[in-house]
C-alpha atoms as a PDB file:
ATOM      1  CA  MET A   1    -146.071 247.604 -51.983  1.00  0.00           C
ATOM      2  CA  GLN A   2    -145.346 247.456 -48.267  1.00  0.00           C
ATOM      3  CA  GLN A   3    -145.035 251.072 -48.485  1.00  0.00           C
ATOM      4  CA  VAL A   4    -148.524 251.427 -49.452  1.00  0.00           C
ATOM      5  CA  HIS A   5    -149.750 249.195 -46.627  1.00  0.00           C
ATOM      6  CA  GLU A   6    -147.865 251.044 -44.279  1.00  0.00           C
ATOM      7  CA  ALA A   7    -148.896 254.545 -45.362  1.00  0.00           C
ATOM      8  CA  ALA A   8    -152.475 253.430 -45.485  1.00  0.00           C
ATOM      9  CA  GLU A   9    -152.198 252.037 -41.881  1.00  0.00           C
ATOM     10  CA  TYR A  10    -150.554 255.366 -40.689  1.00  0.00           C
ATOM     11  CA  ASP A  11    -153.290 257.374 -42.553  1.00  0.00           C
ATOM     12  CA  ARG A  12    -156.004 255.281 -40.795  1.00  0.00           C
ATOM     13  CA  TRP A  13    -154.415 255.686 -37.344  1.00  0.00           C
ATOM     14  CA  PHE A  14    -153.704 259.205 -37.782  1.00  0.00           C
ATOM     15  CA  ARG A  15    -157.417 259.943 -38.951  1.00  0.00           C
ATOM     16  CA  GLU A  16    -158.645 258.114 -35.649  1.00  0.00           C
ATOM     17  CA  GLN A  17    -156.320 260.110 -33.562  1.00  0.00           C
ATOM     18  CA  VAL A  18    -157.709 263.298 -34.860  1.00  0.00           C
ATOM     19  CA  GLN A  19    -161.317 262.320 -34.676  1.00  0.00           C
ATOM     20  CA  GLN A  20    -160.694 261.524 -31.086  1.00  0.00           C
ATOM     21  CA  ALA A  21    -159.279 264.677 -30.348  1.00  0.00           C
ATOM     22  CA  LEU A  22    -162.391 266.427 -31.952  1.00  0.00           C
ATOM     23  CA  ASP A  23    -164.759 264.146 -30.147  1.00  0.00           C
ATOM     24  CA  GLU A  24    -162.892 264.870 -26.720  1.00  0.00           C
ATOM     25  CA  ALA A  25    -162.854 268.797 -27.605  1.00  0.00           C
ATOM     26  CA  ASP A  26    -166.384 268.669 -28.218  1.00  0.00           C
ATOM     27  CA  SER A  27    -167.603 266.944 -25.057  1.00  0.00           C
ATOM     28  CA  PRO A  28    -169.612 268.707 -22.647  1.00  0.00           C
ATOM     29  CA  ASN A  29    -166.969 267.521 -19.956  1.00  0.00           C
ATOM     30  CA  ALA A  30    -163.988 269.151 -21.601  1.00  0.00           C
ATOM     31  CA  GLU A  31    -161.979 271.017 -19.558  1.00  0.00           C
ATOM     32  CA  TRP A  32    -160.467 274.131 -21.314  1.00  0.00           C
ATOM     33  CA  LEU A  33    -157.435 275.979 -19.757  1.00  0.00           C
ATOM     34  CA  THR A  34    -156.078 279.634 -20.365  1.00  0.00           C
ATOM     35  CA  THR A  35    -152.743 280.130 -21.994  1.00  0.00           C
ATOM     36  CA  ASP A  36    -151.497 280.897 -18.719  1.00  0.00           C
ATOM     37  CA  GLU A  37    -152.759 277.796 -16.753  1.00  0.00           C
ATOM     38  CA  MET A  38    -151.296 275.722 -19.443  1.00  0.00           C
ATOM     39  CA  LYS A  39    -147.693 277.395 -19.276  1.00  0.00           C
ATOM     40  CA  GLU A  40    -147.916 276.828 -15.261  1.00  0.00           C
ATOM     41  CA  SER A  41    -149.079 273.292 -15.872  1.00  0.00           C
ATOM     42  CA  MET A  42    -146.138 272.706 -18.031  1.00  0.00           C
ATOM     43  CA  GLU A  43    -143.461 274.409 -15.971  1.00  0.00           C
ATOM     44  CA  ARG A  44    -144.648 272.109 -13.268  1.00  0.00           C
ATOM     45  CA  TRP A  45    -144.338 269.119 -15.363  1.00  0.00           C
ATOM     46  CA  LEU A  46    -141.199 270.208 -16.738  1.00  0.00           C
ATOM     47  CA  THR A  47    -139.654 270.545 -13.269  1.00  0.00           C
ATOM     48  CA  GLU A  48    -140.943 267.070 -12.031  1.00  0.00           C
ATOM     49  CA  HIS A  49    -139.510 265.265 -14.791  1.00  0.00           C
ATOM     50  CA  TYR A  50    -136.405 267.292 -15.406  1.00  0.00           C
ATOM     51  CA  GLY A  51    -135.628 269.501 -12.615  1.00  0.00           C
ATOM     52  CA  PRO A  52    -135.414 273.102 -12.026  1.00  0.00           C
ATOM     53  CA  LYS A  53    -134.921 275.368 -15.335  1.00  0.00           C
ATOM     54  CA  PRO A  54    -131.214 276.616 -15.533  1.00  0.00           C
ATOM     55  CA  GLU A  55    -130.799 280.006 -14.081  1.00  0.00           C
ATOM     56  CA  ASN A  56    -129.573 281.755 -17.537  1.00  0.00           C
ATOM     57  CA  SER A  57    -132.358 280.434 -19.538  1.00  0.00           C
ATOM     58  CA  ARG A  58    -135.254 282.945 -20.417  1.00  0.00           C
END
């Protein structure tokens, strides 16, 4: 019975997260990035948190 309650709680949480993401995407204040902008942002974040990319990586 506990698994049923946990599954229902997870389902509720998941649906809330999806709705929040949809609401944010529909907002007139949403900021949209190009693929290149996102890649650059992620590269910066990864470098800040994990250091420079190893030289033999692609």
